[in-house]
Amino acid sequence: MTRDEIKLRRLSAQYLTRKTEIQTAVRGLCGFQAQFLTNALHSIHLRCFDDKEGGIPTGLCKNWTVRGTVHVFSEDDLGLFVRSDGGRNYRSLDFSGYTFWNRRDTWSLTPARQRYFSEVILDALTIGPMTRESLKALCRYHGMDDGEEQSMFDPWGGGIRELCERGFMHYTVTEEKTFCLTPLYTPMEDDTAELELARRYFTHYGPASIHDCQYFFHATAAQVKGWLAHLPVQSDACDGITYFWIDDGQTFSTDLPECLFLAGFDALMLGYEKKESLFLPPEYLRGIFNLAGIVMPAVLVDGRVVGRWKVKNRKCAVTLFEDTAQIRKAVSDGAQQMWHELRTLTFET
């Protein structure tokens, strides 16, 4: 198997060369990372023919899932992603045990107080969605002090995140930090869920190496090898690395797309060990994966990252990592196809 064949298979499996329905893409790719919702919506727009540009698709949730990061995913997959420790803590308001949060020195909520404020929040959400700031003000009204507020509304999640991960509530699919109640569902057992996620990974991210899968799921090599032993994978080698994939009968283009404007935090960048990426030359790594943990929107020309982009007010600015007349033409043509009402396109180097 050649590097170009691996690229073509990945692009097709990720619906970047053959568009599909939103639910198919979101489920197959294990959701889209969504700290910034515009990135997830752009990822959907690139891959889906039933997407309405600028609109919010229905049937989606936003919550902490893969790698402990916020993703947009199908509501049908709540039981797959939000498992509440294999269902043991599903819809539980018992906070007396040790958790990632309450074992920290800065934690200020007793189990009783955490339950009390959790009930305040959940009762308020029965009326309808509420913003994080509105929920904070409500808890203040009900007697929450500064330390308790810092714990419940910790910037990395805190007590609010515990309620989300126990299946009570989730983010609405909006840019605003707004929460709503989660419908009832049945959490999957961890082993079953992990194997299903691995099946989706090797179907829609493959061909991928064991190291790639470790990177995507923050898993150990032993875990990945265990999943592979139970999956109908095929394998082949390239440059001394063994790649695995599940063949679902899809066909592949014979040509790499001339130009792609990937989303920030796009699955094509996040799906594989970044230092071993076939699409991102190592000398451009920090141009896409910056030291603050942001994954910038990448521009690909002929299957190779050549820069990054940003669009605002119908103006597109492209920072090129390598600058040739051929690359500029490919990017210009691609931008016009991507944004039909684009006013200006500027290049920086």
Protein backbone atom coordinates (compact mmCIF):
# COMPACT_ATOMS: atom_id res chain seq x y z
CA MET A 1 0.00 0.00 0.00
CA THR A 2 1.37 3.44 -0.92
CA ARG A 3 1.07 6.68 1.04
CA ASP A 4 -1.23 8.13 -1.63
CA GLU A 5 -3.50 5.09 -1.46
CA ILE A 6 -3.76 5.46 2.31
CA LYS A 7 -4.61 9.15 1.87
CA LEU A 8 -7.28 8.39 -0.74
CA ARG A 9 -8.87 5.73 1.45
CA ARG A 10 -8.90 8.05 4.47
CA LEU A 11 -10.38 10.97 2.55
CA SER A 12 -13.13 8.75 1.19
CA ALA A 13 -13.82 7.04 4.51
CA GLN A 14 -14.11 10.46 6.17
CA TYR A 15 -16.59 11.61 3.48
CA LEU A 16 -14.27 14.32 2.17
CA THR A 17 -14.45 12.98 -1.39
CA ARG A 18 -17.96 11.49 -1.24
CA LYS A 19 -20.56 13.42 0.73
CA THR A 20 -23.17 11.68 2.85
CA GLU A 21 -26.02 12.45 5.25
CA ILE A 22 -25.30 14.35 8.48
CA GLN A 23 -26.24 11.52 10.82
CA THR A 24 -24.10 9.05 8.85
CA ALA A 25 -21.03 11.30 9.01
CA VAL A 26 -21.45 12.33 12.65
CA ARG A 27 -21.96 8.76 13.82
CA GLY A 28 -19.26 7.20 11.64
CA LEU A 29 -16.60 9.72 12.68
CA CYS A 30 -17.45 9.53 16.41
CA GLY A 31 -18.72 13.11 16.45
CA PHE A 32 -16.84 16.33 15.76
CA GLN A 33 -14.78 18.23 18.32
CA ALA A 34 -16.67 21.40 19.19
CA GLN A 35 -15.00 23.73 21.67
CA PHE A 36 -15.84 26.23 18.93
CA LEU A 37 -19.10 25.20 17.31
CA THR A 38 -18.23 26.84 13.99
CA ASN A 39 -15.50 24.23 13.55
CA ALA A 40 -17.91 21.32 14.00
CA LEU A 41 -20.44 22.93 11.65
CA HIS A 42 -17.75 23.44 9.00
CA SER A 43 -16.68 19.80 9.37
CA ILE A 44 -20.30 18.80 8.73
CA HIS A 45 -20.62 21.19 5.80
CA LEU A 46 -17.54 19.67 4.13
CA ARG A 47 -18.90 16.16 4.39
CA CYS A 48 -22.69 16.31 4.09
CA PHE A 49 -25.09 16.99 1.24
CA ASP A 50 -28.10 17.59 3.51
CA ASP A 51 -26.37 20.37 5.46
CA LYS A 52 -27.84 23.86 5.31
CA GLU A 53 -24.91 26.28 5.48
CA GLY A 54 -25.22 28.55 8.49
CA GLY A 55 -27.97 26.41 10.05
CA ILE A 56 -27.83 24.12 13.09
CA PRO A 57 -28.64 20.48 12.24
CA THR A 58 -31.26 18.73 14.34
CA GLY A 59 -30.84 15.44 16.22
CA LEU A 60 -27.44 16.38 17.68
CA CYS A 61 -26.06 16.79 21.21
CA LYS A 62 -22.98 18.57 22.55
CA ASN A 63 -21.15 17.08 25.50
CA TRP A 64 -17.79 15.83 26.81
CA THR A 65 -16.96 12.58 24.98
CA VAL A 66 -13.83 11.26 23.21
CA ARG A 67 -10.55 12.28 24.89
CA GLY A 68 -12.58 14.16 27.50
CA THR A 69 -13.23 16.99 25.04
CA VAL A 70 -16.51 18.58 23.95
CA HIS A 71 -17.97 17.04 20.78
CA VAL A 72 -21.10 17.36 18.71
CA PHE A 73 -22.57 13.89 18.17
CA SER A 74 -25.82 12.14 17.32
CA GLU A 75 -28.51 12.06 19.98
CA ASP A 76 -28.93 8.38 19.06
CA ASP A 77 -25.41 7.81 20.42
CA LEU A 78 -25.97 9.15 23.92
CA GLY A 79 -25.65 5.66 25.39
CA LEU A 80 -22.39 5.13 23.49
CA PHE A 81 -20.63 8.33 24.55
CA VAL A 82 -22.19 9.31 27.89
CA ARG A 83 -21.89 6.05 29.77
CA SER A 84 -21.70 7.28 33.39
CA ASP A 85 -19.01 4.76 34.36
CA GLY A 86 -20.73 1.94 32.51
CA GLY A 87 -24.11 3.05 33.84
CA ARG A 88 -23.14 2.89 37.52
CA ASN A 89 -23.60 6.64 38.02
CA TYR A 90 -26.34 7.17 35.45
CA ARG A 91 -28.76 9.79 36.80
CA SER A 92 -27.23 9.47 40.27
CA LEU A 93 -27.07 12.47 42.62
CA ASP A 94 -24.94 10.61 45.14
CA PHE A 95 -21.61 12.47 45.22
CA SER A 96 -20.22 10.83 48.35
CA GLY A 97 -17.59 8.77 46.52
CA TYR A 98 -14.24 9.99 45.24
CA THR A 99 -14.30 11.63 41.82
CA PHE A 100 -11.76 13.39 39.62
CA TRP A 101 -13.16 16.68 40.95
CA ASN A 102 -13.78 16.27 44.67
CA ARG A 103 -10.39 14.75 45.39
CA ARG A 104 -8.72 18.08 44.49
CA ASP A 105 -7.58 20.44 47.26
CA THR A 106 -9.55 23.33 45.77
CA TRP A 107 -12.90 21.48 45.81
CA SER A 108 -15.37 23.32 48.06
CA LEU A 109 -18.65 21.40 47.69
CA THR A 110 -19.68 18.79 50.24
CA PRO A 111 -21.67 15.87 48.77
CA ALA A 112 -24.84 17.30 50.31
CA ARG A 113 -24.27 20.80 48.92
CA GLN A 114 -23.37 19.43 45.50
CA ARG A 115 -26.60 17.46 45.44
CA TYR A 116 -28.59 20.49 46.56
CA PHE A 117 -27.26 22.78 43.82
CA SER A 118 -27.53 19.99 41.24
CA GLU A 119 -31.23 19.71 42.08
CA VAL A 120 -31.61 23.50 41.78
CA ILE A 121 -30.04 23.41 38.31
CA LEU A 122 -31.98 20.40 37.05
CA ASP A 123 -35.27 21.77 38.34
CA ALA A 124 -34.63 25.07 36.52
CA LEU A 125 -33.86 23.26 33.26
CA THR A 126 -37.28 21.59 33.28
CA ILE A 127 -38.62 24.97 32.15
CA GLY A 128 -36.19 25.18 29.23
CA PRO A 129 -32.51 25.70 28.29
CA MET A 130 -30.46 28.14 30.39
CA THR A 131 -27.04 29.70 29.93
CA ARG A 132 -24.12 28.91 32.20
CA GLU A 133 -24.21 32.46 33.58
CA SER A 134 -27.95 32.22 34.30
CA LEU A 135 -27.43 28.95 36.17
CA LYS A 136 -24.59 30.52 38.12
CA ALA A 137 -26.81 33.46 39.11
CA LEU A 138 -29.58 31.05 40.12
CA CYS A 139 -27.22 29.10 42.38
CA ARG A 140 -26.01 32.36 43.89
CA TYR A 141 -29.62 33.24 44.67
CA HIS A 142 -29.95 29.89 46.46
CA GLY A 143 -26.94 30.56 48.71
CA MET A 144 -23.87 29.38 46.77
CA ASP A 145 -20.63 30.97 48.04
CA ASP A 146 -17.50 31.87 46.05
CA GLY A 147 -15.67 28.60 46.64
CA GLU A 148 -18.71 26.49 45.82
CA GLU A 149 -19.25 28.47 42.65
CA GLN A 150 -15.65 27.87 41.57
CA SER A 151 -16.16 24.13 42.07
CA MET A 152 -19.59 23.83 40.47
CA PHE A 153 -18.69 26.03 37.51
CA ASP A 154 -15.01 25.19 37.14
CA PRO A 155 -13.72 26.36 33.71
CA TRP A 156 -12.81 22.73 32.91
CA GLY A 157 -16.22 21.38 33.91
CA GLY A 158 -16.56 20.85 37.65
CA GLY A 159 -19.97 19.94 39.04
CA ILE A 160 -21.70 20.99 35.84
CA ARG A 161 -19.60 18.50 33.90
CA GLU A 162 -20.47 15.75 36.38
CA LEU A 163 -24.16 16.34 35.72
CA CYS A 164 -23.48 16.14 31.99
CA GLU A 165 -21.42 12.97 32.29
CA ARG A 166 -24.07 11.34 34.48
CA GLY A 167 -26.69 11.77 31.77
CA PHE A 168 -28.77 14.56 33.29
CA MET A 169 -28.00 17.42 30.91
CA HIS A 170 -25.86 18.55 27.99
CA TYR A 171 -24.90 21.62 26.01
CA THR A 172 -27.34 22.80 23.38
CA VAL A 173 -25.81 22.82 19.90
CA THR A 174 -25.22 26.57 19.87
CA GLU A 175 -22.18 28.84 20.22
CA GLU A 176 -23.54 30.11 23.52
CA LYS A 177 -22.75 28.05 26.64
CA THR A 178 -26.34 26.93 27.15
CA PHE A 179 -27.52 23.72 28.80
CA CYS A 180 -30.66 21.64 28.46
CA LEU A 181 -32.00 18.40 29.95
CA THR A 182 -30.91 15.15 28.31
CA PRO A 183 -33.63 12.70 27.23
CA LEU A 184 -33.70 9.31 28.92
CA TYR A 185 -31.43 6.69 27.33
CA THR A 186 -29.68 3.44 28.24
CA PRO A 187 -25.89 3.68 28.81
CA MET A 188 -23.84 0.98 27.12
CA GLU A 189 -21.42 -1.19 29.04
CA ASP A 190 -17.88 0.15 28.71
CA ASP A 191 -16.39 -2.88 26.93
CA THR A 192 -19.21 -2.96 24.37
CA ALA A 193 -19.01 0.78 23.77
CA GLU A 194 -15.22 0.80 23.39
CA LEU A 195 -15.35 -1.96 20.80
CA GLU A 196 -18.07 -0.14 18.85
CA LEU A 197 -16.02 3.08 18.86
CA ALA A 198 -12.97 1.14 17.66
CA ARG A 199 -15.08 -0.40 14.87
CA ARG A 200 -16.15 3.05 13.74
CA TYR A 201 -12.58 4.30 13.98
CA PHE A 202 -11.03 1.64 11.77
CA THR A 203 -13.95 1.91 9.32
CA HIS A 204 -13.88 5.69 8.95
CA TYR A 205 -10.35 6.68 9.97
CA GLY A 206 -8.58 3.66 8.52
CA PRO A 207 -6.14 2.74 7.24
CA ALA A 208 -4.64 3.69 10.59
CA SER A 209 -1.86 2.38 12.77
CA ILE A 210 -2.11 1.18 16.35
CA HIS A 211 -0.29 4.36 17.37
CA ASP A 212 -2.88 6.47 15.52
CA CYS A 213 -5.73 4.76 17.37
CA GLN A 214 -3.94 5.24 20.70
CA TYR A 215 -3.64 8.95 19.94
CA PHE A 216 -7.30 9.35 18.99
CA PHE A 217 -8.76 7.57 22.02
CA HIS A 218 -5.94 8.23 24.53
CA ALA A 219 -5.74 4.45 24.83
CA THR A 220 -2.89 2.01 25.48
CA ALA A 221 -1.38 -0.21 22.82
CA ALA A 222 -2.74 -3.24 24.70
CA GLN A 223 -6.27 -1.83 24.54
CA VAL A 224 -6.03 -1.20 20.79
CA LYS A 225 -4.61 -4.67 20.11
CA GLY A 226 -7.47 -6.14 22.14
CA TRP A 227 -10.02 -4.29 20.00
CA LEU A 228 -8.30 -5.35 16.78
CA ALA A 229 -8.51 -9.00 17.84
CA HIS A 230 -12.32 -8.71 17.85
CA LEU A 231 -12.75 -6.66 14.67
CA PRO A 232 -12.86 -7.79 11.00
CA VAL A 233 -9.85 -5.70 10.06
CA GLN A 234 -7.56 -5.96 7.05
CA SER A 235 -3.95 -4.83 7.22
CA ASP A 236 -1.06 -3.81 5.02
CA ALA A 237 2.30 -2.14 5.47
CA CYS A 238 3.74 1.13 4.22
CA ASP A 239 7.18 2.50 5.09
CA GLY A 240 7.57 -0.15 7.79
CA ILE A 241 4.29 0.72 9.55
CA THR A 242 1.30 -1.65 9.65
CA TYR A 243 -2.05 -0.03 8.90
CA PHE A 244 -5.46 -1.51 9.72
CA TRP A 245 -8.89 -0.82 8.29
CA ILE A 246 -12.36 -2.30 8.00
CA ASP A 247 -13.66 -2.63 4.46
CA ASP A 248 -17.31 -1.57 4.26
CA GLY A 249 -17.53 -1.85 0.47
CA GLN A 250 -16.82 1.80 -0.25
CA THR A 251 -15.14 2.88 -3.47
CA PHE A 252 -12.26 5.34 -3.66
CA SER A 253 -11.37 8.19 -5.96
CA THR A 254 -8.18 7.77 -7.94
CA ASP A 255 -7.21 11.42 -7.52
CA LEU A 256 -6.46 13.49 -4.47
CA PRO A 257 -8.71 16.58 -4.23
CA GLU A 258 -6.96 19.67 -5.56
CA CYS A 259 -7.86 21.80 -2.54
CA LEU A 260 -9.62 21.29 0.80
CA PHE A 261 -10.36 23.88 3.48
CA LEU A 262 -10.49 21.75 6.63
CA ALA A 263 -12.17 22.94 9.80
CA GLY A 264 -10.24 23.80 12.91
CA PHE A 265 -9.93 20.63 15.03
CA ASP A 266 -10.91 18.65 11.93
CA ALA A 267 -11.09 14.85 12.18
CA LEU A 268 -8.52 14.49 9.41
CA MET A 269 -5.97 16.24 11.64
CA LEU A 270 -7.11 14.83 15.01
CA GLY A 271 -7.65 11.26 13.86
CA TYR A 272 -3.97 10.32 13.71
CA GLU A 273 -0.75 10.82 15.66
CA LYS A 274 0.10 14.37 14.58
CA LYS A 275 3.85 13.80 14.44
CA GLU A 276 3.29 10.89 12.03
CA SER A 277 0.61 12.54 9.89
CA LEU A 278 0.62 11.65 6.19
CA PHE A 279 -1.10 14.96 5.38
CA LEU A 280 0.84 17.38 7.60
CA PRO A 281 4.57 17.80 6.89
CA PRO A 282 6.50 17.85 10.19
CA GLU A 283 7.99 21.27 9.47
CA TYR A 284 4.46 22.74 9.45
CA LEU A 285 3.28 21.00 12.63
CA ARG A 286 3.23 24.12 14.83
CA GLY A 287 1.49 26.08 12.11
CA ILE A 288 -1.58 23.86 12.66
CA PHE A 289 -1.15 22.43 16.18
CA ASN A 290 -0.10 25.45 18.23
CA LEU A 291 1.34 25.31 21.73
CA ALA A 292 -1.92 26.61 23.26
CA GLY A 293 -3.70 23.41 22.20
CA ILE A 294 -5.59 24.98 19.29
CA VAL A 295 -5.81 23.03 16.03
CA MET A 296 -5.98 25.62 13.27
CA PRO A 297 -8.07 25.27 10.05
CA ALA A 298 -5.73 23.71 7.52
CA VAL A 299 -5.56 24.16 3.75
CA LEU A 300 -4.69 21.02 1.79
CA VAL A 301 -3.50 21.04 -1.80
CA ASP A 302 -3.14 17.64 -3.47
CA GLY A 303 -3.34 15.90 -0.09
CA ARG A 304 -0.69 18.02 1.64
CA VAL A 305 -1.11 20.79 4.19
CA VAL A 306 0.26 23.99 2.66
CA GLY A 307 -1.22 26.60 4.99
CA ARG A 308 -4.09 27.67 7.24
CA TRP A 309 -7.10 29.90 6.66
CA LYS A 310 -9.68 32.13 8.31
CA VAL A 311 -12.86 33.69 6.97
CA LYS A 312 -14.70 36.72 8.34
CA ASN A 313 -17.24 38.98 6.71
CA ARG A 314 -16.85 37.08 3.42
CA LYS A 315 -13.11 37.80 3.41
CA CYS A 316 -10.69 34.86 3.39
CA ALA A 317 -7.09 35.19 4.57
CA VAL A 318 -4.74 32.29 3.85
CA THR A 319 -1.35 31.95 5.52
CA LEU A 320 0.82 29.86 3.21
CA PHE A 321 3.59 27.64 4.56
CA GLU A 322 4.87 27.18 1.03
CA ASP A 323 4.17 29.62 -1.78
CA THR A 324 4.04 28.76 -5.48
CA ALA A 325 1.88 29.95 -8.35
CA GLN A 326 0.33 26.47 -8.59
CA ILE A 327 -0.62 26.46 -4.91
CA ARG A 328 -2.09 29.98 -5.11
CA LYS A 329 -4.24 29.00 -8.10
CA ALA A 330 -5.47 25.81 -6.42
CA VAL A 331 -6.33 27.72 -3.23
CA SER A 332 -8.05 30.52 -5.17
CA ASP A 333 -10.16 28.07 -7.15
CA GLY A 334 -10.98 26.09 -4.01
CA ALA A 335 -12.00 29.19 -2.08
CA GLN A 336 -14.41 30.27 -4.80
CA GLN A 337 -16.02 26.82 -4.77
CA MET A 338 -16.17 26.78 -0.96
CA TRP A 339 -17.61 30.26 -0.48
CA HIS A 340 -19.60 31.40 -3.50
CA GLU A 341 -20.14 34.92 -2.13
CA LEU A 342 -16.52 35.48 -1.11
CA ARG A 343 -15.49 39.12 -1.51
CA THR A 344 -11.73 38.95 -1.15
CA LEU A 345 -8.95 36.39 -0.84
CA THR A 346 -5.59 37.45 0.54
CA PHE A 347 -2.36 35.52 0.97
CA GLU A 348 0.20 35.84 3.73
CA THR A 349 3.49 33.97 4.04
